[in-house]
C-alpha atoms as a PDB file:
ATOM      1  CA  UNK A   1      88.800 -16.316  23.480  1.00  0.00           C
ATOM      2  CA  UNK A   2      85.982 -18.176  25.229  1.00  0.00           C
ATOM      3  CA  UNK A   3      85.398 -21.917  25.560  1.00  0.00           C
ATOM      4  CA  UNK A   4      81.880 -23.236  26.010  1.00  0.00           C
ATOM      5  CA  UNK A   5      81.363 -26.814  27.193  1.00  0.00           C
ATOM      6  CA  UNK A   6      78.124 -28.297  25.863  1.00  0.00           C
ATOM      7  CA  UNK A   7      75.810 -29.618  28.582  1.00  0.00           C
ATOM      8  CA  UNK A   8      72.841 -31.980  28.348  1.00  0.00           C
ATOM      9  CA  UNK A   9      70.371 -29.149  27.700  1.00  0.00           C
ATOM     10  CA  UNK A  10      72.437 -27.969  24.729  1.00  0.00           C
ATOM     11  CA  UNK A  11      73.290 -31.361  23.220  1.00  0.00           C
ATOM     12  CA  UNK A  12      71.270 -32.809  20.368  1.00  0.00           C
ATOM     13  CA  UNK A  13      70.982 -29.615  18.341  1.00  0.00           C
ATOM     14  CA  UNK A  14      72.981 -28.249  15.415  1.00  0.00           C
ATOM     15  CA  UNK A  15      75.968 -26.080  16.172  1.00  0.00           C
ATOM     16  CA  UNK A  16      74.606 -23.112  14.196  1.00  0.00           C
ATOM     17  CA  UNK A  17      71.314 -23.232  16.154  1.00  0.00           C
ATOM     18  CA  UNK A  18      73.260 -23.239  19.404  1.00  0.00           C
ATOM     19  CA  UNK A  19      75.425 -20.287  18.328  1.00  0.00           C
ATOM     20  CA  UNK A  20      72.387 -18.247  17.300  1.00  0.00           C
ATOM     21  CA  UNK A  21      70.987 -18.745  20.799  1.00  0.00           C
ATOM     22  CA  UNK A  22      74.290 -18.104  22.555  1.00  0.00           C
ATOM     23  CA  UNK A  23      74.906 -14.884  20.635  1.00  0.00           C
ATOM     24  CA  UNK A  24      71.265 -14.067  20.103  1.00  0.00           C
ATOM     25  CA  UNK A  25      71.869 -10.579  18.676  1.00  0.00           C
ATOM     26  CA  UNK A  26      74.240 -11.839  15.976  1.00  0.00           C
ATOM     27  CA  UNK A  27      72.868 -12.497  12.515  1.00  0.00           C
ATOM     28  CA  UNK A  28      73.306 -15.725  10.605  1.00  0.00           C
ATOM     29  CA  UNK A  29      75.758 -14.103   8.213  1.00  0.00           C
ATOM     30  CA  UNK A  30      78.098 -13.185  11.079  1.00  0.00           C
ATOM     31  CA  UNK A  31      77.942 -16.679  12.572  1.00  0.00           C
ATOM     32  CA  UNK A  32      78.677 -18.415   9.263  1.00  0.00           C
ATOM     33  CA  UNK A  33      81.475 -15.952   8.491  1.00  0.00           C
ATOM     34  CA  UNK A  34      83.140 -16.727  11.829  1.00  0.00           C
ATOM     35  CA  UNK A  35      82.792 -20.457  11.118  1.00  0.00           C
ATOM     36  CA  UNK A  36      84.384 -20.090   7.672  1.00  0.00           C
ATOM     37  CA  UNK A  37      87.296 -18.081   9.116  1.00  0.00           C
ATOM     38  CA  UNK A  38      87.785 -20.657  11.902  1.00  0.00           C
ATOM     39  CA  UNK A  39      87.086 -17.996  14.522  1.00  0.00           C
ATOM     40  CA  UNK A  40      84.611 -20.534  15.880  1.00  0.00           C
ATOM     41  CA  UNK A  41      85.687 -24.174  16.076  1.00  0.00           C
ATOM     42  CA  UNK A  42      84.216 -27.367  17.482  1.00  0.00           C
ATOM     43  CA  UNK A  43      86.534 -29.686  19.406  1.00  0.00           C
ATOM     44  CA  UNK A  44      89.498 -27.769  17.875  1.00  0.00           C
ATOM     45  CA  UNK A  45      88.340 -28.588  14.339  1.00  0.00           C
ATOM     46  CA  UNK A  46      86.918 -26.455  11.561  1.00  0.00           C
ATOM     47  CA  UNK A  47      83.139 -26.753  11.286  1.00  0.00           C
ATOM     48  CA  UNK A  48      80.324 -25.409   9.125  1.00  0.00           C
ATOM     49  CA  UNK A  49      77.491 -25.251  11.677  1.00  0.00           C
ATOM     50  CA  UNK A  50      75.633 -28.374  10.602  1.00  0.00           C
ATOM     51  CA  UNK A  51      77.355 -30.569  13.185  1.00  0.00           C
ATOM     52  CA  UNK A  52      75.171 -32.142  15.865  1.00  0.00           C
ATOM     53  CA  UNK A  53      76.375 -31.299  19.365  1.00  0.00           C
ATOM     54  CA  UNK A  54      77.057 -33.887  22.052  1.00  0.00           C
ATOM     55  CA  UNK A  55      77.422 -33.451  25.802  1.00  0.00           C
ATOM     56  CA  UNK A  56      81.012 -32.497  26.595  1.00  0.00           C
ATOM     57  CA  UNK A  57      81.815 -30.974  23.205  1.00  0.00           C
ATOM     58  CA  UNK A  58      83.992 -27.851  23.279  1.00  0.00           C
ATOM     59  CA  UNK A  59      82.993 -24.812  21.264  1.00  0.00           C
ATOM     60  CA  UNK A  60      85.793 -22.250  21.112  1.00  0.00           C
ATOM     61  CA  UNK A  61      85.039 -18.667  20.206  1.00  0.00           C
ATOM     62  CA  UNK A  62      88.198 -16.866  19.061  1.00  0.00           C
ATOM     63  CA  UNK A  63      86.494 -13.530  19.571  1.00  0.00           C
ATOM     64  CA  UNK A  64      87.076 -10.735  22.031  1.00  0.00           C
ATOM     65  CA  UNK A  65      84.904 -10.662  25.144  1.00  0.00           C
ATOM     66  CA  UNK A  66      83.667  -7.270  23.966  1.00  0.00           C
ATOM     67  CA  UNK A  67      82.450  -8.779  20.682  1.00  0.00           C
ATOM     68  CA  UNK A  68      80.771 -11.728  22.408  1.00  0.00           C
ATOM     69  CA  UNK A  69      78.994  -9.460  24.906  1.00  0.00           C
ATOM     70  CA  UNK A  70      77.961  -7.115  22.103  1.00  0.00           C
ATOM     71  CA  UNK A  71      76.049  -9.941  20.434  1.00  0.00           C
ATOM     72  CA  UNK A  72      74.601 -11.369  23.639  1.00  0.00           C
ATOM     73  CA  UNK A  73      71.371 -10.154  25.183  1.00  0.00           C
ATOM     74  CA  UNK A  74      71.158 -11.303  28.766  1.00  0.00           C
ATOM     75  CA  UNK A  75      67.620 -12.634  29.163  1.00  0.00           C
ATOM     76  CA  UNK A  76      67.604 -13.996  32.675  1.00  0.00           C
ATOM     77  CA  UNK A  77      64.710 -15.130  34.813  1.00  0.00           C
ATOM     78  CA  UNK A  78      62.739 -12.602  36.813  1.00  0.00           C
ATOM     79  CA  UNK A  79      63.915 -13.868  40.175  1.00  0.00           C
ATOM     80  CA  UNK A  80      61.480 -11.637  42.054  1.00  0.00           C
ATOM     81  CA  UNK A  81      58.514 -13.507  40.541  1.00  0.00           C
ATOM     82  CA  UNK A  82      56.312 -15.146  43.182  1.00  0.00           C
ATOM     83  CA  UNK A  83      56.307 -18.864  42.340  1.00  0.00           C
ATOM     84  CA  UNK A  84      53.923 -19.862  45.138  1.00  0.00           C
ATOM     85  CA  UNK A  85      51.127 -20.265  42.551  1.00  0.00           C
ATOM     86  CA  UNK A  86      52.923 -23.273  41.050  1.00  0.00           C
ATOM     87  CA  UNK A  87      50.945 -26.425  41.892  1.00  0.00           C
ATOM     88  CA  UNK A  88      53.458 -29.102  40.894  1.00  0.00           C
ATOM     89  CA  UNK A  89      51.887 -32.519  40.340  1.00  0.00           C
ATOM     90  CA  UNK A  90      55.085 -34.269  39.180  1.00  0.00           C
ATOM     91  CA  UNK A  91      58.728 -33.356  38.635  1.00  0.00           C
ATOM     92  CA  UNK A  92      61.877 -35.162  37.541  1.00  0.00           C
ATOM     93  CA  UNK A  93      65.127 -34.042  35.886  1.00  0.00           C
ATOM     94  CA  UNK A  94      63.478 -33.422  32.507  1.00  0.00           C
ATOM     95  CA  UNK A  95      59.875 -32.323  32.989  1.00  0.00           C
ATOM     96  CA  UNK A  96      57.385 -30.736  35.359  1.00  0.00           C
ATOM     97  CA  UNK A  97      53.634 -31.359  35.323  1.00  0.00           C
ATOM     98  CA  UNK A  98      51.745 -28.414  36.753  1.00  0.00           C
ATOM     99  CA  UNK A  99      48.102 -27.858  37.665  1.00  0.00           C
ATOM    100  CA  UNK A 100      47.509 -24.437  36.080  1.00  0.00           C
ATOM    101  CA  UNK A 101      44.766 -22.299  37.610  1.00  0.00           C
ATOM    102  CA  UNK A 102      42.233 -20.468  35.468  1.00  0.00           C
ATOM    103  CA  UNK A 103      43.393 -16.927  34.777  1.00  0.00           C
ATOM    104  CA  UNK A 104      47.053 -17.832  34.255  1.00  0.00           C
ATOM    105  CA  UNK A 105      48.606 -17.686  30.772  1.00  0.00           C
ATOM    106  CA  UNK A 106      50.390 -20.844  29.619  1.00  0.00           C
ATOM    107  CA  UNK A 107      52.927 -18.645  27.852  1.00  0.00           C
ATOM    108  CA  UNK A 108      53.103 -14.903  27.598  1.00  0.00           C
ATOM    109  CA  UNK A 109      51.272 -13.044  24.856  1.00  0.00           C
ATOM    110  CA  UNK A 110      52.993  -9.700  25.427  1.00  0.00           C
ATOM    111  CA  UNK A 111      56.476  -8.809  26.666  1.00  0.00           C
ATOM    112  CA  UNK A 112      55.298  -7.742  30.122  1.00  0.00           C
ATOM    113  CA  UNK A 113      53.200 -10.842  30.849  1.00  0.00           C
ATOM    114  CA  UNK A 114      54.058 -13.243  33.666  1.00  0.00           C
ATOM    115  CA  UNK A 115      52.954 -16.641  32.430  1.00  0.00           C
ATOM    116  CA  UNK A 116      53.453 -20.222  33.540  1.00  0.00           C
ATOM    117  CA  UNK A 117      56.750 -20.244  31.603  1.00  0.00           C
ATOM    118  CA  UNK A 118      58.133 -17.327  33.654  1.00  0.00           C
ATOM    119  CA  UNK A 119      57.025 -19.010  36.891  1.00  0.00           C
ATOM    120  CA  UNK A 120      58.700 -22.295  35.927  1.00  0.00           C
ATOM    121  CA  UNK A 121      61.892 -20.491  34.886  1.00  0.00           C
ATOM    122  CA  UNK A 122      62.085 -18.501  38.130  1.00  0.00           C
ATOM    123  CA  UNK A 123      61.359 -21.637  40.174  1.00  0.00           C
ATOM    124  CA  UNK A 124      64.188 -23.583  38.488  1.00  0.00           C
ATOM    125  CA  UNK A 125      66.675 -20.730  38.845  1.00  0.00           C
ATOM    126  CA  UNK A 126      65.766 -20.117  42.481  1.00  0.00           C
ATOM    127  CA  UNK A 127      66.111 -23.835  43.236  1.00  0.00           C
ATOM    128  CA  UNK A 128      69.555 -23.907  41.586  1.00  0.00           C
ATOM    129  CA  UNK A 129      68.359 -26.288  38.875  1.00  0.00           C
ATOM    130  CA  UNK A 130      69.147 -23.784  36.101  1.00  0.00           C
ATOM    131  CA  UNK A 131      71.823 -21.113  36.097  1.00  0.00           C
ATOM    132  CA  UNK A 132      71.734 -17.756  34.380  1.00  0.00           C
ATOM    133  CA  UNK A 133      74.464 -19.104  32.091  1.00  0.00           C
ATOM    134  CA  UNK A 134      72.194 -22.036  31.153  1.00  0.00           C
ATOM    135  CA  UNK A 135      69.461 -19.577  30.179  1.00  0.00           C
ATOM    136  CA  UNK A 136      71.631 -18.147  27.415  1.00  0.00           C
ATOM    137  CA  UNK A 137      71.094 -21.277  25.327  1.00  0.00           C
ATOM    138  CA  UNK A 138      68.083 -23.041  26.849  1.00  0.00           C
ATOM    139  CA  UNK A 139      64.745 -21.712  28.043  1.00  0.00           C
ATOM    140  CA  UNK A 140      62.161 -23.892  29.800  1.00  0.00           C
ATOM    141  CA  UNK A 141      58.889 -23.999  27.897  1.00  0.00           C
ATOM    142  CA  UNK A 142      55.474 -25.630  27.972  1.00  0.00           C
ATOM    143  CA  UNK A 143      54.821 -28.678  25.810  1.00  0.00           C
ATOM    144  CA  UNK A 144      51.047 -28.185  25.704  1.00  0.00           C
ATOM    145  CA  UNK A 145      48.920 -25.099  26.217  1.00  0.00           C
ATOM    146  CA  UNK A 146      45.607 -24.381  27.879  1.00  0.00           C
ATOM    147  CA  UNK A 147      43.441 -21.326  27.252  1.00  0.00           C
ATOM    148  CA  UNK A 148      43.818 -18.507  29.759  1.00  0.00           C
ATOM    149  CA  UNK A 149      40.593 -19.356  31.593  1.00  0.00           C
ATOM    150  CA  UNK A 150      40.906 -23.149  31.377  1.00  0.00           C
ATOM    151  CA  UNK A 151      42.510 -24.863  34.357  1.00  0.00           C
ATOM    152  CA  UNK A 152      44.417 -28.110  34.493  1.00  0.00           C
ATOM    153  CA  UNK A 153      47.529 -30.062  33.644  1.00  0.00           C
ATOM    154  CA  UNK A 154      50.346 -28.502  31.640  1.00  0.00           C
ATOM    155  CA  UNK A 155      53.681 -30.218  30.968  1.00  0.00           C
ATOM    156  CA  UNK A 156      56.824 -28.064  30.959  1.00  0.00           C
ATOM    157  CA  UNK A 157      60.241 -29.113  29.675  1.00  0.00           C
ATOM    158  CA  UNK A 158      63.060 -28.567  32.189  1.00  0.00           C
ATOM    159  CA  UNK A 159      65.680 -29.928  29.782  1.00  0.00           C
ATOM    160  CA  UNK A 160      66.048 -29.841  26.014  1.00  0.00           C
ATOM    161  CA  UNK A 161      65.383 -33.592  25.879  1.00  0.00           C
ATOM    162  CA  UNK A 162      62.286 -33.228  28.046  1.00  0.00           C
ATOM    163  CA  UNK A 163      60.962 -30.414  25.910  1.00  0.00           C
ATOM    164  CA  UNK A 164      61.562 -32.288  22.663  1.00  0.00           C
ATOM    165  CA  UNK A 165      60.255 -35.696  23.757  1.00  0.00           C
ATOM    166  CA  UNK A 166      57.098 -34.406  25.419  1.00  0.00           C
ATOM    167  CA  UNK A 167      56.315 -31.882  22.666  1.00  0.00           C
ATOM    168  CA  UNK A 168      56.604 -34.669  20.086  1.00  0.00           C
ATOM    169  CA  UNK A 169      54.340 -36.909  22.195  1.00  0.00           C
ATOM    170  CA  UNK A 170      51.652 -34.212  22.335  1.00  0.00           C
ATOM    171  CA  UNK A 171      52.024 -33.416  18.631  1.00  0.00           C
ATOM    172  CA  UNK A 172      51.635 -37.076  17.647  1.00  0.00           C
ATOM    173  CA  UNK A 173      48.648 -37.413  20.038  1.00  0.00           C
ATOM    174  CA  UNK A 174      50.439 -40.212  21.891  1.00  0.00           C
ATOM    175  CA  UNK A 175      49.549 -38.561  25.203  1.00  0.00           C
ATOM    176  CA  UNK A 176      45.848 -38.919  25.997  1.00  0.00           C
ATOM    177  CA  UNK A 177      44.185 -35.774  27.372  1.00  0.00           C
ATOM    178  CA  UNK A 178      41.000 -35.822  29.451  1.00  0.00           C
ATOM    179  CA  UNK A 179      38.887 -32.902  30.666  1.00  0.00           C
ATOM    180  CA  UNK A 180      35.910 -32.375  32.949  1.00  0.00           C
ATOM    181  CA  UNK A 181      33.315 -29.733  32.135  1.00  0.00           C
ATOM    182  CA  UNK A 182      29.814 -28.704  33.104  1.00  0.00           C
ATOM    183  CA  UNK A 183      27.609 -27.906  30.123  1.00  0.00           C
ATOM    184  CA  UNK A 184      24.140 -26.554  29.558  1.00  0.00           C
ATOM    185  CA  UNK A 185      21.459 -29.111  28.701  1.00  0.00           C
ATOM    186  CA  UNK A 186      21.046 -32.849  29.086  1.00  0.00           C
ATOM    187  CA  UNK A 187      23.393 -35.380  27.472  1.00  0.00           C
ATOM    188  CA  UNK A 188      22.521 -39.024  28.128  1.00  0.00           C
ATOM    189  CA  UNK A 189      24.974 -40.982  26.000  1.00  0.00           C
ATOM    190  CA  UNK A 190      28.614 -40.899  24.985  1.00  0.00           C
ATOM    191  CA  UNK A 191      29.516 -39.715  21.499  1.00  0.00           C
ATOM    192  CA  UNK A 192      32.405 -38.919  19.186  1.00  0.00           C
ATOM    193  CA  UNK A 193      31.971 -35.803  17.072  1.00  0.00           C
ATOM    194  CA  UNK A 194      33.940 -34.757  13.988  1.00  0.00           C
ATOM    195  CA  UNK A 195      33.998 -31.310  12.420  1.00  0.00           C
ATOM    196  CA  UNK A 196      36.282 -28.602  11.074  1.00  0.00           C
ATOM    197  CA  UNK A 197      37.462 -25.567  12.991  1.00  0.00           C
ATOM    198  CA  UNK A 198      38.363 -22.207  11.487  1.00  0.00           C
ATOM    199  CA  UNK A 199      40.068 -19.545  13.588  1.00  0.00           C
ATOM    200  CA  UNK A 200      39.670 -15.816  13.083  1.00  0.00           C
ATOM    201  CA  UNK A 201      42.998 -14.619  14.474  1.00  0.00           C
ATOM    202  CA  UNK A 202      41.897 -10.979  14.578  1.00  0.00           C
ATOM    203  CA  UNK A 203      38.912 -11.788  16.810  1.00  0.00           C
ATOM    204  CA  UNK A 204      40.580 -14.705  18.622  1.00  0.00           C
ATOM    205  CA  UNK A 205      37.447 -16.700  17.973  1.00  0.00           C
ATOM    206  CA  UNK A 206      36.803 -19.966  16.145  1.00  0.00           C
ATOM    207  CA  UNK A 207      33.978 -21.205  13.956  1.00  0.00           C
ATOM    208  CA  UNK A 208      32.868 -24.834  13.738  1.00  0.00           C
ATOM    209  CA  UNK A 209      32.131 -26.075  10.200  1.00  0.00           C
ATOM    210  CA  UNK A 210      30.513 -29.312   9.071  1.00  0.00           C
ATOM    211  CA  UNK A 211      32.560 -29.356   5.864  1.00  0.00           C
ATOM    212  CA  UNK A 212      36.139 -28.468   5.121  1.00  0.00           C
ATOM    213  CA  UNK A 213      37.060 -24.965   4.008  1.00  0.00           C
ATOM    214  CA  UNK A 214      40.272 -23.137   3.241  1.00  0.00           C
ATOM    215  CA  UNK A 215      42.244 -22.507   6.406  1.00  0.00           C
ATOM    216  CA  UNK A 216      40.161 -24.899   8.526  1.00  0.00           C
ATOM    217  CA  UNK A 217      41.494 -27.864  10.517  1.00  0.00           C
ATOM    218  CA  UNK A 218      39.876 -31.214  11.218  1.00  0.00           C
ATOM    219  CA  UNK A 219      38.855 -31.784  14.853  1.00  0.00           C
ATOM    220  CA  UNK A 220      37.658 -34.803  16.803  1.00  0.00           C
ATOM    221  CA  UNK A 221      36.144 -34.667  20.287  1.00  0.00           C
ATOM    222  CA  UNK A 222      34.888 -37.591  22.390  1.00  0.00           C
ATOM    223  CA  UNK A 223      32.701 -37.152  25.450  1.00  0.00           C
ATOM    224  CA  UNK A 224      30.671 -39.162  27.920  1.00  0.00           C
ATOM    225  CA  UNK A 225      28.188 -37.969  30.548  1.00  0.00           C
ATOM    226  CA  UNK A 226      29.045 -38.560  34.201  1.00  0.00           C
ATOM    227  CA  UNK A 227      25.863 -37.120  35.724  1.00  0.00           C
ATOM    228  CA  UNK A 228      22.970 -34.796  34.931  1.00  0.00           C
ATOM    229  CA  UNK A 229      20.356 -32.937  36.974  1.00  0.00           C
ATOM    230  CA  UNK A 230      17.937 -32.524  34.084  1.00  0.00           C
ATOM    231  CA  UNK A 231      19.290 -29.065  33.227  1.00  0.00           C
ATOM    232  CA  UNK A 232      23.039 -29.453  33.264  1.00  0.00           C
ATOM    233  CA  UNK A 233      25.447 -32.286  32.467  1.00  0.00           C
ATOM    234  CA  UNK A 234      28.855 -33.065  33.879  1.00  0.00           C
ATOM    235  CA  UNK A 235      30.977 -34.427  31.022  1.00  0.00           C
ATOM    236  CA  UNK A 236      34.259 -36.258  30.736  1.00  0.00           C
ATOM    237  CA  UNK A 237      35.885 -35.180  27.463  1.00  0.00           C
ATOM    238  CA  UNK A 238      38.668 -36.979  25.620  1.00  0.00           C
ATOM    239  CA  UNK A 239      40.381 -34.427  23.388  1.00  0.00           C
ATOM    240  CA  UNK A 240      41.565 -36.338  20.327  1.00  0.00           C
ATOM    241  CA  UNK A 241      42.865 -33.335  18.394  1.00  0.00           C
ATOM    242  CA  UNK A 242      44.045 -30.289  20.281  1.00  0.00           C
ATOM    243  CA  UNK A 243      42.991 -27.090  18.527  1.00  0.00           C
ATOM    244  CA  UNK A 244      42.530 -23.689  20.091  1.00  0.00           C
ATOM    245  CA  UNK A 245      39.109 -23.366  21.822  1.00  0.00           C
ATOM    246  CA  UNK A 246      38.149 -26.811  20.446  1.00  0.00           C
ATOM    247  CA  UNK A 247      36.155 -28.220  23.357  1.00  0.00           C
ATOM    248  CA  UNK A 248      34.319 -24.985  24.125  1.00  0.00           C
ATOM    249  CA  UNK A 249      33.371 -24.209  20.522  1.00  0.00           C
ATOM    250  CA  UNK A 250      32.604 -27.812  19.573  1.00  0.00           C
ATOM    251  CA  UNK A 251      30.213 -28.353  22.492  1.00  0.00           C
ATOM    252  CA  UNK A 252      28.568 -24.969  21.921  1.00  0.00           C
ATOM    253  CA  UNK A 253      28.060 -25.898  18.263  1.00  0.00           C
ATOM    254  CA  UNK A 254      26.000 -28.976  19.245  1.00  0.00           C
ATOM    255  CA  UNK A 255      23.889 -26.944  21.660  1.00  0.00           C
ATOM    256  CA  UNK A 256      25.727 -27.645  24.922  1.00  0.00           C
ATOM    257  CA  UNK A 257      27.955 -24.665  25.755  1.00  0.00           C
ATOM    258  CA  UNK A 258      30.282 -24.854  28.738  1.00  0.00           C
ATOM    259  CA  UNK A 259      28.951 -22.995  31.762  1.00  0.00           C
ATOM    260  CA  UNK A 260      30.916 -19.798  32.403  1.00  0.00           C
ATOM    261  CA  UNK A 261      32.268 -19.559  28.856  1.00  0.00           C
ATOM    262  CA  UNK A 262      32.008 -15.878  27.997  1.00  0.00           C
ATOM    263  CA  UNK A 263      33.039 -16.350  24.374  1.00  0.00           C
ATOM    264  CA  UNK A 264      30.881 -19.271  23.190  1.00  0.00           C
ATOM    265  CA  UNK A 265      28.448 -19.711  26.082  1.00  0.00           C
ATOM    266  CA  UNK A 266      24.932 -18.585  27.006  1.00  0.00           C
ATOM    267  CA  UNK A 267      24.925 -15.028  28.396  1.00  0.00           C
ATOM    268  CA  UNK A 268      21.839 -15.508  30.587  1.00  0.00           C
ATOM    269  CA  UNK A 269      23.020 -18.829  32.053  1.00  0.00           C
ATOM    270  CA  UNK A 270      26.480 -17.411  32.699  1.00  0.00           C
ATOM    271  CA  UNK A 271      24.971 -14.443  34.529  1.00  0.00           C
ATOM    272  CA  UNK A 272      23.062 -16.804  36.811  1.00  0.00           C
ATOM    273  CA  UNK A 273      26.148 -18.860  37.713  1.00  0.00           C
ATOM    274  CA  UNK A 274      28.249 -15.744  38.163  1.00  0.00           C
ATOM    275  CA  UNK A 275      25.718 -14.384  40.622  1.00  0.00           C
ATOM    276  CA  UNK A 276      25.081 -17.608  42.548  1.00  0.00           C
ATOM    277  CA  UNK A 277      28.539 -19.233  42.535  1.00  0.00           C
ATOM    278  CA  UNK A 278      30.883 -16.369  41.592  1.00  0.00           C
ATOM    279  CA  UNK A 279      31.866 -18.238  38.409  1.00  0.00           C
ATOM    280  CA  UNK A 280      34.383 -16.065  36.533  1.00  0.00           C
ATOM    281  CA  UNK A 281      35.671 -18.508  33.924  1.00  0.00           C
ATOM    282  CA  UNK A 282      34.520 -21.545  31.962  1.00  0.00           C
ATOM    283  CA  UNK A 283      33.978 -24.698  34.021  1.00  0.00           C
ATOM    284  CA  UNK A 284      36.502 -26.669  31.995  1.00  0.00           C
ATOM    285  CA  UNK A 285      39.360 -28.489  33.688  1.00  0.00           C
ATOM    286  CA  UNK A 286      42.124 -30.615  32.107  1.00  0.00           C
ATOM    287  CA  UNK A 287      42.233 -33.178  34.889  1.00  0.00           C
ATOM    288  CA  UNK A 288      44.089 -36.206  33.473  1.00  0.00           C
ATOM    289  CA  UNK A 289      47.026 -37.115  31.222  1.00  0.00           C
ATOM    290  CA  UNK A 290      47.832 -40.702  30.258  1.00  0.00           C
ATOM    291  CA  UNK A 291      51.366 -41.282  29.025  1.00  0.00           C
ATOM    292  CA  UNK A 292      52.303 -43.633  26.171  1.00  0.00           C
ATOM    293  CA  UNK A 293      55.212 -46.087  26.192  1.00  0.00           C
ATOM    294  CA  UNK A 294      58.595 -44.349  26.211  1.00  0.00           C
ATOM    295  CA  UNK A 295      62.078 -45.757  25.735  1.00  0.00           C
ATOM    296  CA  UNK A 296      65.401 -44.914  27.337  1.00  0.00           C
ATOM    297  CA  UNK A 297      65.601 -42.068  29.830  1.00  0.00           C
ATOM    298  CA  UNK A 298      61.832 -41.496  29.716  1.00  0.00           C
ATOM    299  CA  UNK A 299      60.781 -45.103  30.335  1.00  0.00           C
ATOM    300  CA  UNK A 300      59.835 -44.256  33.947  1.00  0.00           C
ATOM    301  CA  UNK A 301      56.875 -42.316  32.524  1.00  0.00           C
ATOM    302  CA  UNK A 302      55.591 -45.207  30.402  1.00  0.00           C
ATOM    303  CA  UNK A 303      51.885 -45.836  30.904  1.00  0.00           C
ATOM    304  CA  UNK A 304      51.637 -43.505  33.885  1.00  0.00           C
ATOM    305  CA  UNK A 305      48.477 -41.532  34.599  1.00  0.00           C
ATOM    306  CA  UNK A 306      48.642 -38.077  36.147  1.00  0.00           C
ATOM    307  CA  UNK A 307      45.585 -36.416  37.653  1.00  0.00           C
ATOM    308  CA  UNK A 308      45.097 -32.992  39.196  1.00  0.00           C
ATOM    309  CA  UNK A 309      42.856 -31.671  41.924  1.00  0.00           C
ATOM    310  CA  UNK A 310      39.574 -30.241  40.652  1.00  0.00           C
ATOM    311  CA  UNK A 311      39.263 -26.493  41.405  1.00  0.00           C
ATOM    312  CA  UNK A 312      37.147 -25.554  44.409  1.00  0.00           C
ATOM    313  CA  UNK A 313      34.876 -23.356  42.286  1.00  0.00           C
ATOM    314  CA  UNK A 314      34.148 -26.241  39.927  1.00  0.00           C
ATOM    315  CA  UNK A 315      33.369 -28.546  42.844  1.00  0.00           C
ATOM    316  CA  UNK A 316      31.088 -25.938  44.424  1.00  0.00           C
ATOM    317  CA  UNK A 317      28.950 -25.681  41.274  1.00  0.00           C
ATOM    318  CA  UNK A 318      28.781 -29.463  40.828  1.00  0.00           C
ATOM    319  CA  UNK A 319      27.701 -30.008  44.429  1.00  0.00           C
ATOM    320  CA  UNK A 320      25.324 -27.057  44.429  1.00  0.00           C
ATOM    321  CA  UNK A 321      23.609 -28.306  41.269  1.00  0.00           C
ATOM    322  CA  UNK A 322      23.438 -31.933  42.357  1.00  0.00           C
ATOM    323  CA  UNK A 323      26.025 -33.266  39.902  1.00  0.00           C
ATOM    324  CA  UNK A 324      28.087 -36.227  41.127  1.00  0.00           C
ATOM    325  CA  UNK A 325      31.804 -35.929  40.454  1.00  0.00           C
END
């Protein structure tokens, strides 16, 4: 028999969801069968799995240790991961805000990838803020994602509450997201552009459409020029919706591709900037997040603005081309 005491990272979810994480190799049928037979009880009472867990609840598993281990895959953090690349802008008990460099995945695409999620997990384990036991039922995760070659602010949930609250705030667009980018051509006035975006998953490429079509999603992008040298423009972009490749594809569609963008940009212009400034990725940086009003445990974040340092390569191009940051 094993007793599991529910902690704050496990509270707030249904019992059956918790059990499927705790014994992650067990199927739903096994879990529900054990609940029906009272081989799994909550606070010494029969339960059906729909109960919402609270901190301090006791889940008793009247199963042999051999059976429990059989249905448990130990997915622990890779403690040998070098976390020195983590540029932490803000951290409290529930969240971390990290300045992600270009070239780092927000979350892994393949099993062998080391992404921002793996770095955050290793950092928390190495700092003693998460134990290997905690990782059986809770995994840190990012609440917003940036493309591989886009740099800037990413929020990660350190606790279940942090992950849920911040993910909901991004999903509802309550958090305002601002980017800086250098684009081809001259833009003299601010604008708000609406369109539809359709993603070809096989090619990992999107298409911008003026009218709706099956499978497309509505997008809205606001931008304002900060400076121009007559050939290039430094833009501040307010991302209203947050679709994959939205800023890059949307700006390219109106004739102002982001410099260094190898997917939607100008090949000749990119070759020039690669040769002169060693530009290897799009000059697009998520530099600012503005938080909405929060209640309760997250009220300390209410109305706060978080900004990140602009990458050296971005600054070098702006200064070299006479664009004022």
